[in-house]
N, C-alpha and C. Protein backbone atom coordinates (compact mmCIF):
# COMPACT_ATOMS: atom_id res chain seq x y z
N MET A 1 84.75 188.81 -1.41
CA MET A 1 84.80 188.35 -0.01
C MET A 1 83.38 188.01 0.46
N ASN A 2 83.28 186.96 1.19
CA ASN A 2 81.98 186.52 1.71
C ASN A 2 81.59 187.39 2.90
N VAL A 3 80.43 188.01 2.83
CA VAL A 3 79.98 188.92 3.88
C VAL A 3 79.65 188.16 5.17
N GLN A 4 79.33 186.88 5.05
CA GLN A 4 78.94 186.08 6.22
C GLN A 4 80.12 185.68 7.10
N VAL A 5 81.32 185.76 6.58
CA VAL A 5 82.49 185.24 7.32
C VAL A 5 82.71 185.99 8.62
N GLU A 6 82.70 187.30 8.59
CA GLU A 6 82.98 188.08 9.81
C GLU A 6 81.91 187.90 10.88
N PRO A 7 80.61 188.05 10.56
CA PRO A 7 79.60 187.83 11.61
C PRO A 7 79.63 186.41 12.17
N THR A 8 79.89 185.43 11.31
CA THR A 8 79.96 184.04 11.79
C THR A 8 81.14 183.87 12.72
N GLY A 9 82.28 184.45 12.36
CA GLY A 9 83.47 184.37 13.22
C GLY A 9 83.21 185.03 14.57
N ASN A 10 82.53 186.17 14.56
CA ASN A 10 82.22 186.85 15.82
C ASN A 10 81.28 186.01 16.67
N ALA A 11 80.29 185.38 16.04
CA ALA A 11 79.35 184.55 16.78
C ALA A 11 80.06 183.35 17.40
N ILE A 12 80.96 182.75 16.64
CA ILE A 12 81.72 181.60 17.18
C ILE A 12 82.57 182.04 18.36
N GLU A 13 83.23 183.18 18.21
CA GLU A 13 84.08 183.68 19.30
C GLU A 13 83.26 183.95 20.56
N GLU A 14 82.09 184.56 20.39
CA GLU A 14 81.23 184.82 21.54
C GLU A 14 80.74 183.53 22.17
N SER A 15 80.44 182.53 21.34
CA SER A 15 79.98 181.24 21.87
C SER A 15 81.08 180.56 22.67
N VAL A 16 82.30 180.63 22.16
CA VAL A 16 83.43 180.02 22.87
C VAL A 16 83.66 180.72 24.20
N ASP A 17 83.60 182.06 24.20
CA ASP A 17 83.77 182.81 25.44
C ASP A 17 82.69 182.44 26.45
N LEU A 18 81.46 182.30 25.98
CA LEU A 18 80.36 181.93 26.87
C LEU A 18 80.57 180.52 27.43
N ALA A 19 81.03 179.61 26.59
CA ALA A 19 81.29 178.24 27.04
C ALA A 19 82.36 178.22 28.12
N TYR A 20 83.44 178.99 27.92
CA TYR A 20 84.48 179.07 28.95
C TYR A 20 83.92 179.63 30.25
N GLU A 21 83.10 180.64 30.15
CA GLU A 21 82.53 181.25 31.35
C GLU A 21 81.65 180.25 32.11
N ILE A 22 80.84 179.51 31.37
CA ILE A 22 79.97 178.51 32.01
C ILE A 22 80.81 177.43 32.68
N CYS A 23 81.82 176.94 31.97
CA CYS A 23 82.69 175.90 32.55
C CYS A 23 83.39 176.40 33.81
N ASN A 24 83.87 177.62 33.75
CA ASN A 24 84.56 178.18 34.92
C ASN A 24 83.62 178.28 36.11
N ARG A 25 82.38 178.68 35.87
CA ARG A 25 81.41 178.79 36.98
C ARG A 25 81.07 177.42 37.54
N VAL A 26 80.89 176.44 36.67
CA VAL A 26 80.53 175.10 37.12
C VAL A 26 81.67 174.46 37.88
N PHE A 27 82.87 174.47 37.30
CA PHE A 27 83.99 173.75 37.90
C PHE A 27 84.60 174.48 39.08
N ARG A 28 84.30 175.77 39.23
CA ARG A 28 84.77 176.49 40.41
C ARG A 28 84.05 175.97 41.65
N LYS A 29 82.81 175.51 41.49
CA LYS A 29 82.03 175.03 42.63
C LYS A 29 82.34 173.59 42.99
N VAL A 30 82.98 172.84 42.09
CA VAL A 30 83.26 171.42 42.34
C VAL A 30 84.10 171.22 43.59
N PRO A 31 85.24 171.91 43.75
CA PRO A 31 86.04 171.70 44.97
C PRO A 31 85.25 172.01 46.25
N GLU A 32 84.39 173.03 46.19
CA GLU A 32 83.58 173.37 47.36
C GLU A 32 82.64 172.22 47.71
N ARG A 33 82.02 171.63 46.71
CA ARG A 33 81.09 170.52 46.96
C ARG A 33 81.83 169.30 47.47
N ILE A 34 83.03 169.05 46.96
CA ILE A 34 83.82 167.91 47.44
C ILE A 34 84.16 168.11 48.91
N ARG A 35 84.56 169.34 49.27
CA ARG A 35 84.88 169.62 50.67
C ARG A 35 83.66 169.47 51.55
N ASP A 36 82.50 169.94 51.05
CA ASP A 36 81.27 169.82 51.84
C ASP A 36 80.88 168.36 52.04
N GLU A 37 81.07 167.53 51.02
CA GLU A 37 80.73 166.10 51.15
C GLU A 37 81.68 165.40 52.10
N GLN A 38 82.93 165.82 52.13
CA GLN A 38 83.90 165.19 53.02
C GLN A 38 83.61 165.52 54.48
N LYS A 39 82.96 166.64 54.73
CA LYS A 39 82.62 167.03 56.10
C LYS A 39 81.52 166.15 56.68
N LEU A 40 80.69 165.58 55.78
CA LEU A 40 79.54 164.78 56.27
C LEU A 40 79.97 163.49 56.88
């Protein structure tokens, strides 16, 4: 068995989780900005 498989899989999983978290934070603010621009 390749010893690198498990650490690589864990790193990929952590990267995907981080990407989802970043996207959620960014896109959560989009509706707020749209509402703020509509008020102007």
